[in-house]
Amino acid sequence: MLLRSTTCIPLPTAAATTTTSRHQPQSLSISASSSSSSSATFPATALSISDAELESRGFALHRDTASLNLDQLNAVFVAVGFPRRDPGKIRVALEHTDALVWVQHQRTEKPVAFARATGDGVFNAIIWDVVVDPSFQGIGLGKVVMERLLGDLLARGIGNIVLYSEPRVLGFYRPLGFVADPDGIRGMVYSRKQKKKK
């Protein structure tokens, strides 16, 4: 189900009802529009945890892959239930990523939270791979990466931001401005079904 909203900046929290189907990832989106010009600048997103506070808690914020260990990132993916990925394919995916934010635990120097976005750089972006290491969940790191990633995309003037989510975590995204599409637009996913051998 495509979840989407057209809003004016600043982004309000909107209530919506969704119908979820079992075991199907949900698609969410947020659209930001401004009544002025298409080159409007977006105000800084209010942050639930400041960069200084994050650092005082022993975490470092990154927006590039220079010090990102792909094997350690893959371990976080696996820890949250994603399938193990080929590190070479992760590298290619990151090369085609338009924006990313990740948090490193300073003591261990390992990634503990991550989110990235791809898109056309002008109109549309899709957020992918939002993960927080289970050992670090519940302390706001998911919000840290999402607030900054959304802020980066909105600052570029990207007005249609979409993500796919497990139904059990839809409630995490709603306070960030993601809602069910009020126009009832539904996303579709291509699926190659394996033919049964006779």
Protein backbone atom coordinates (compact mmCIF):
# COMPACT_ATOMS: atom_id res chain seq x y z
CA MET A 1 0.00 0.00 0.00
CA LEU A 2 1.40 3.37 -0.95
CA LEU A 3 1.48 5.81 1.90
CA ARG A 4 1.91 9.43 0.95
CA SER A 5 1.14 12.99 1.92
CA THR A 6 1.20 16.37 0.24
CA THR A 7 2.02 18.98 2.83
CA CYS A 8 3.35 22.47 3.16
CA ILE A 9 6.58 23.02 5.06
CA PRO A 10 7.01 22.60 7.97
CA LEU A 11 5.92 19.00 7.80
CA PRO A 12 2.99 18.30 10.13
CA THR A 13 2.29 14.97 11.72
CA ALA A 14 -0.76 13.64 9.93
CA ALA A 15 -3.12 10.91 11.00
CA ALA A 16 -4.19 8.31 8.51
CA THR A 17 -5.65 4.88 8.45
CA THR A 18 -3.99 2.08 6.61
CA THR A 19 -4.97 -1.39 5.63
CA THR A 20 -2.08 -3.76 5.93
CA SER A 21 -1.76 -7.19 4.48
CA ARG A 22 0.19 -9.93 6.17
CA HIS A 23 3.92 -10.07 5.48
CA GLN A 24 3.77 -7.42 2.76
CA PRO A 25 6.10 -4.44 3.07
CA GLN A 26 4.17 -1.20 3.00
CA SER A 27 5.11 1.77 0.88
CA LEU A 28 5.05 5.14 2.55
CA SER A 29 5.77 8.54 1.14
CA ILE A 30 5.79 12.14 2.05
CA SER A 31 5.49 14.94 -0.44
CA ALA A 32 6.56 18.43 0.42
CA SER A 33 5.38 21.37 -1.59
CA SER A 34 5.83 25.07 -1.23
CA SER A 35 3.51 27.73 -2.54
CA SER A 36 6.46 29.94 -3.47
CA SER A 37 8.94 28.72 -6.06
CA SER A 38 10.30 25.32 -6.93
CA SER A 39 13.71 26.46 -5.75
CA ALA A 40 12.40 27.19 -2.26
CA THR A 41 14.72 26.31 0.57
CA PHE A 42 13.38 24.13 3.32
CA PRO A 43 13.87 24.99 6.97
CA ALA A 44 16.08 22.79 9.06
CA THR A 45 14.21 19.80 10.44
CA ALA A 46 13.75 19.94 14.19
CA LEU A 47 16.06 17.30 15.62
CA SER A 48 15.07 15.10 18.53
CA ILE A 49 18.76 14.62 19.42
CA SER A 50 21.31 17.30 18.51
CA ASP A 51 24.66 16.41 16.96
CA ALA A 52 26.41 17.58 20.15
CA GLU A 53 24.17 15.42 22.35
CA LEU A 54 24.71 12.45 20.05
CA GLU A 55 28.47 12.89 20.36
CA SER A 56 28.25 13.24 24.15
CA ARG A 57 26.49 9.85 24.19
CA GLY A 58 29.44 8.25 22.41
CA PHE A 59 28.19 8.28 18.81
CA ALA A 60 29.52 9.85 15.61
CA LEU A 61 27.30 10.92 12.72
CA HIS A 62 28.39 10.32 9.12
CA ARG A 63 27.00 11.29 5.73
CA ASP A 64 29.49 9.45 3.52
CA THR A 65 30.92 5.96 3.22
CA ALA A 66 34.59 6.86 3.80
CA SER A 67 34.86 5.01 7.13
CA LEU A 68 31.89 2.64 6.72
CA ASN A 69 32.87 -1.01 7.11
CA LEU A 70 30.54 -2.94 4.78
CA ASP A 71 30.95 -6.24 6.63
CA GLN A 72 29.91 -4.54 9.87
CA LEU A 73 26.97 -2.86 8.11
CA ASN A 74 25.96 -6.23 6.69
CA ALA A 75 26.02 -7.65 10.22
CA VAL A 76 23.50 -4.97 11.27
CA PHE A 77 21.32 -5.86 8.27
CA VAL A 78 21.36 -9.53 9.31
CA ALA A 79 20.73 -8.66 12.98
CA VAL A 80 17.46 -6.89 12.05
CA GLY A 81 16.30 -9.72 9.79
CA PHE A 82 17.50 -8.67 6.34
CA PRO A 83 19.14 -11.41 4.28
CA ARG A 84 22.95 -11.36 4.23
CA ARG A 85 24.06 -9.36 1.21
CA ASP A 86 27.07 -9.63 -1.05
CA PRO A 87 29.49 -6.85 0.07
CA GLY A 88 30.29 -6.08 -3.58
CA LYS A 89 26.62 -5.47 -4.28
CA ILE A 90 26.32 -3.30 -1.15
CA ARG A 91 29.23 -1.22 -2.48
CA VAL A 92 27.51 -0.78 -5.86
CA ALA A 93 24.24 0.16 -4.15
CA LEU A 94 26.05 2.77 -2.08
CA GLU A 95 27.74 4.18 -5.19
CA HIS A 96 24.24 4.77 -6.60
CA THR A 97 22.92 6.29 -3.37
CA ASP A 98 22.05 10.00 -3.43
CA ALA A 99 22.02 10.59 0.32
CA LEU A 100 22.87 8.54 3.38
CA VAL A 101 23.22 8.98 7.11
CA TRP A 102 24.75 6.53 9.53
CA VAL A 103 25.71 6.50 13.17
CA GLN A 104 28.91 4.95 14.46
CA HIS A 105 29.41 3.78 18.04
CA GLN A 106 32.68 5.56 18.90
CA ARG A 107 33.98 2.95 21.34
CA THR A 108 33.60 -0.01 18.95
CA GLU A 109 33.87 2.05 15.73
CA LYS A 110 30.99 -0.02 14.31
CA PRO A 111 27.89 1.25 12.49
CA VAL A 112 24.80 1.00 14.69
CA ALA A 113 22.20 2.93 12.66
CA PHE A 114 21.87 3.52 8.92
CA ALA A 115 19.49 4.89 6.27
CA ARG A 116 19.96 5.83 2.62
CA ALA A 117 17.99 7.28 -0.27
CA THR A 118 18.09 6.96 -4.03
CA GLY A 119 16.20 8.96 -6.60
CA ASP A 120 16.32 11.38 -9.47
CA GLY A 121 17.86 14.19 -7.40
CA VAL A 122 15.07 16.63 -8.28
CA PHE A 123 11.54 15.33 -7.76
CA ASN A 124 11.59 11.88 -6.15
CA ALA A 125 13.51 9.88 -3.56
CA ILE A 126 13.07 6.44 -2.07
CA ILE A 127 14.43 5.69 1.37
CA TRP A 128 16.02 2.27 1.80
CA ASP A 129 17.72 0.15 4.44
CA VAL A 130 16.62 1.96 7.59
CA VAL A 131 18.23 -0.16 10.31
CA VAL A 132 19.30 0.14 13.92
CA ASP A 133 21.41 -2.55 15.58
CA PRO A 134 19.07 -4.34 18.03
CA SER A 135 21.55 -3.66 20.87
CA PHE A 136 21.05 0.08 20.28
CA GLN A 137 17.31 0.21 19.56
CA GLY A 138 15.02 2.32 21.71
CA ILE A 139 17.43 5.21 22.31
CA GLY A 140 16.46 7.39 19.36
CA LEU A 141 19.03 6.42 16.75
CA GLY A 142 16.37 5.54 14.17
CA LYS A 143 15.00 9.07 14.50
CA VAL A 144 18.54 10.46 14.31
CA VAL A 145 19.16 8.97 10.87
CA MET A 146 15.64 9.56 9.53
CA GLU A 147 15.37 13.21 10.65
CA ARG A 148 18.71 14.04 9.07
CA LEU A 149 18.07 12.08 5.88
CA LEU A 150 14.67 13.75 5.44
CA GLY A 151 16.24 17.13 6.16
CA ASP A 152 18.93 16.53 3.53
CA LEU A 153 16.37 15.50 0.90
CA LEU A 154 13.96 18.35 1.65
CA ALA A 155 16.83 20.87 1.59
CA ARG A 156 17.50 19.75 -1.99
CA GLY A 157 13.87 20.54 -2.86
CA ILE A 158 12.88 16.91 -3.34
CA GLY A 159 9.12 16.89 -2.85
CA ASN A 160 8.13 13.23 -3.10
CA ILE A 161 9.82 10.92 -0.60
CA VAL A 162 8.74 7.28 -0.41
CA LEU A 163 9.79 4.29 1.68
CA TYR A 164 8.80 0.67 2.15
CA SER A 165 8.23 -0.62 5.64
CA GLU A 166 7.22 -3.72 7.52
CA PRO A 167 3.67 -3.23 8.86
CA ARG A 168 4.88 -3.64 12.45
CA VAL A 169 6.99 -0.46 12.27
CA LEU A 170 4.62 1.87 10.41
CA GLY A 171 4.00 3.71 13.69
CA PHE A 172 7.67 4.74 13.79
CA TYR A 173 7.37 6.63 10.50
CA ARG A 174 4.05 8.45 11.08
CA PRO A 175 5.45 11.02 13.57
CA LEU A 176 8.13 11.80 10.97
CA GLY A 177 5.40 12.89 8.50
CA PHE A 178 4.74 9.68 6.57
CA VAL A 179 1.07 8.85 6.02
CA ALA A 180 -1.15 6.62 3.90
CA ASP A 181 -1.71 8.15 0.51
CA PRO A 182 -4.89 10.22 0.80
CA ASP A 183 -5.56 9.68 -2.91
CA GLY A 184 -5.55 5.91 -2.47
CA ILE A 185 -2.60 5.36 -4.79
CA ARG A 186 -1.19 1.87 -4.36
CA GLY A 187 2.39 0.87 -4.98
CA MET A 188 3.22 -2.28 -6.86
CA VAL A 189 6.29 -4.46 -6.63
CA TYR A 190 7.59 -6.65 -9.45
CA SER A 191 7.95 -10.25 -8.31
CA ARG A 192 9.51 -13.13 -10.21
CA LYS A 193 7.74 -16.27 -9.17
CA GLN A 194 9.69 -19.48 -9.55
CA LYS A 195 7.91 -22.00 -11.76
CA LYS A 196 7.45 -25.35 -10.09
CA LYS A 197 9.33 -28.21 -11.70
CA LYS A 198 7.17 -31.14 -12.79
